[in-house]
Structures are given as structure tokens and as C-alpha cells.
Amino acid sequence: MSDKPKLLITPTRFEMEVDGHVAFILYRMQGDVIELVHTEVPPELAGRGIGTKLVRAVLDDIRARGAKLHPLCPFVHAYIARHSEYADLVTD
């Protein structure tokens, strides 16, 4: 596995392929706000920090776009709570 897997963006998911498996965050747009709905990491990738890398890559992408988000997914919400440098991305 490379240190920084590539983030792929589809109309409904942020995806990261690792060792032939795809981890993803399901999202939807609500106006200009990105709602991060659900994070899923295949069992084959469990315990390797892939979910954390995925969330960080997605938040960095959202920041680069100048967008805001709603962290509906508990995993994303918890990540932002532990990494206050991303708190400014969250909107009401």
C-alpha cells in the first residue's frame, strides 16, 4: 500500500482504493454544503487506519474547494472532534 492512496470522487461517494478494496464516504449535497453521511471500510482493510486516512483526505479536499460540511456520519464527527483544525469546515 502506498503512503497516500488517491482520493476518487463520484457523484455520491468519496472513494479510496487500497489493495484492491474500496473504502468510501457516502455524501450528498444540500445546496453548497456537503453532508458526509456514512463511512465504510471493507473488513479486509480493518485496523490499518484506512478510515482515518480517508476522512483526512476528504476533509482536505473539502477545504481546498472552499466548501462547508455537515458531519452526519459518527466516524467523521468523532474525527473532527479529535482534530480541531477541521472544525472551521463544519456549518450549522
Protein backbone atom coordinates (compact mmCIF):
# COMPACT_ATOMS: atom_id res chain seq x y z
CA MET A 1 0.00 0.00 0.00
CA SER A 2 1.28 3.45 -0.84
CA ASP A 3 1.52 6.06 1.91
CA LYS A 4 -1.13 8.22 0.27
CA PRO A 5 -3.81 6.37 -1.70
CA LYS A 6 -5.57 8.52 -4.31
CA LEU A 7 -8.97 10.00 -3.46
CA LEU A 8 -11.58 9.39 -6.17
CA ILE A 9 -14.78 11.42 -6.24
CA THR A 10 -18.04 10.13 -7.72
CA PRO A 11 -21.44 11.88 -7.68
CA THR A 12 -22.30 10.17 -4.36
CA ARG A 13 -19.06 8.92 -2.81
CA PHE A 14 -15.51 9.84 -1.92
CA GLU A 15 -13.54 6.64 -2.56
CA MET A 16 -10.08 5.35 -1.75
CA GLU A 17 -8.83 2.08 -3.25
CA VAL A 18 -6.31 0.14 -1.19
CA ASP A 19 -5.01 -3.31 -2.11
CA GLY A 20 -7.94 -3.91 -4.45
CA HIS A 21 -10.60 -2.92 -1.90
CA VAL A 22 -12.58 0.33 -1.84
CA ALA A 23 -13.26 2.33 1.30
CA PHE A 24 -15.72 5.18 0.89
CA ILE A 25 -17.65 8.03 2.44
CA LEU A 26 -21.18 8.43 1.12
CA TYR A 27 -22.14 12.07 0.69
CA ARG A 28 -24.93 14.25 -0.62
CA MET A 29 -25.12 17.91 -1.50
CA GLN A 30 -27.54 20.19 0.33
CA GLY A 31 -27.15 23.47 -1.52
CA ASP A 32 -23.49 24.44 -1.10
CA VAL A 33 -22.98 22.15 1.90
CA ILE A 34 -21.55 18.64 1.66
CA GLU A 35 -23.28 16.20 4.01
CA LEU A 36 -20.97 13.33 4.93
CA VAL A 37 -23.46 10.56 5.58
CA HIS A 38 -21.66 7.24 6.07
CA THR A 39 -18.11 5.89 6.13
CA GLU A 40 -17.41 2.30 5.19
CA VAL A 41 -14.13 0.39 5.23
CA PRO A 42 -14.08 -3.23 3.99
CA PRO A 43 -13.23 -5.85 6.63
CA GLU A 44 -10.08 -6.70 4.68
CA LEU A 45 -8.73 -3.22 5.46
CA ALA A 46 -9.82 -3.05 9.10
CA GLY A 47 -7.27 -1.99 11.70
CA ARG A 48 -4.96 -0.30 9.20
CA GLY A 49 -6.05 3.31 9.70
CA ILE A 50 -7.70 3.47 6.28
CA GLY A 51 -10.85 5.12 7.61
CA THR A 52 -8.76 7.83 9.24
CA LYS A 53 -6.74 8.41 6.06
CA LEU A 54 -9.95 8.57 4.04
CA VAL A 55 -11.60 11.10 6.35
CA ARG A 56 -8.47 13.27 6.41
CA ALA A 57 -8.23 13.20 2.59
CA VAL A 58 -11.92 14.09 2.23
CA LEU A 59 -11.69 16.96 4.72
CA ASP A 60 -8.58 18.29 2.98
CA ASP A 61 -10.43 18.12 -0.36
CA ILE A 62 -13.43 19.97 1.07
CA ARG A 63 -11.10 22.64 2.47
CA ALA A 64 -9.36 23.03 -0.90
CA ARG A 65 -12.76 23.58 -2.56
CA GLY A 66 -13.64 26.27 -0.03
CA ALA A 67 -16.75 24.27 0.87
CA LYS A 68 -18.52 23.57 4.16
CA LEU A 69 -19.85 20.30 5.55
CA HIS A 70 -22.28 18.62 7.91
CA PRO A 71 -20.68 15.56 9.56
CA LEU A 72 -23.73 13.27 9.77
CA CYS A 73 -21.52 10.18 9.92
CA PRO A 74 -20.49 9.41 13.54
CA PHE A 75 -16.97 8.41 12.46
CA VAL A 76 -16.42 11.74 10.65
CA HIS A 77 -17.99 13.66 13.54
CA ALA A 78 -15.65 11.96 16.03
CA TYR A 79 -12.62 12.60 13.81
CA ILE A 80 -13.40 16.33 13.64
CA ALA A 81 -13.93 16.42 17.43
CA ARG A 82 -10.40 14.98 17.87
CA HIS A 83 -8.83 17.20 15.18
CA SER A 84 -9.98 20.75 15.84
CA GLU A 85 -8.05 22.06 12.83
CA TYR A 86 -11.05 20.88 10.76
CA ALA A 87 -13.76 22.45 12.96
CA ASP A 88 -13.96 25.52 10.73
CA LEU A 89 -15.32 23.35 7.89
CA VAL A 90 -18.46 22.49 9.86
CA THR A 91 -21.51 24.66 9.28
CA ASP A 92 -24.84 24.85 11.11
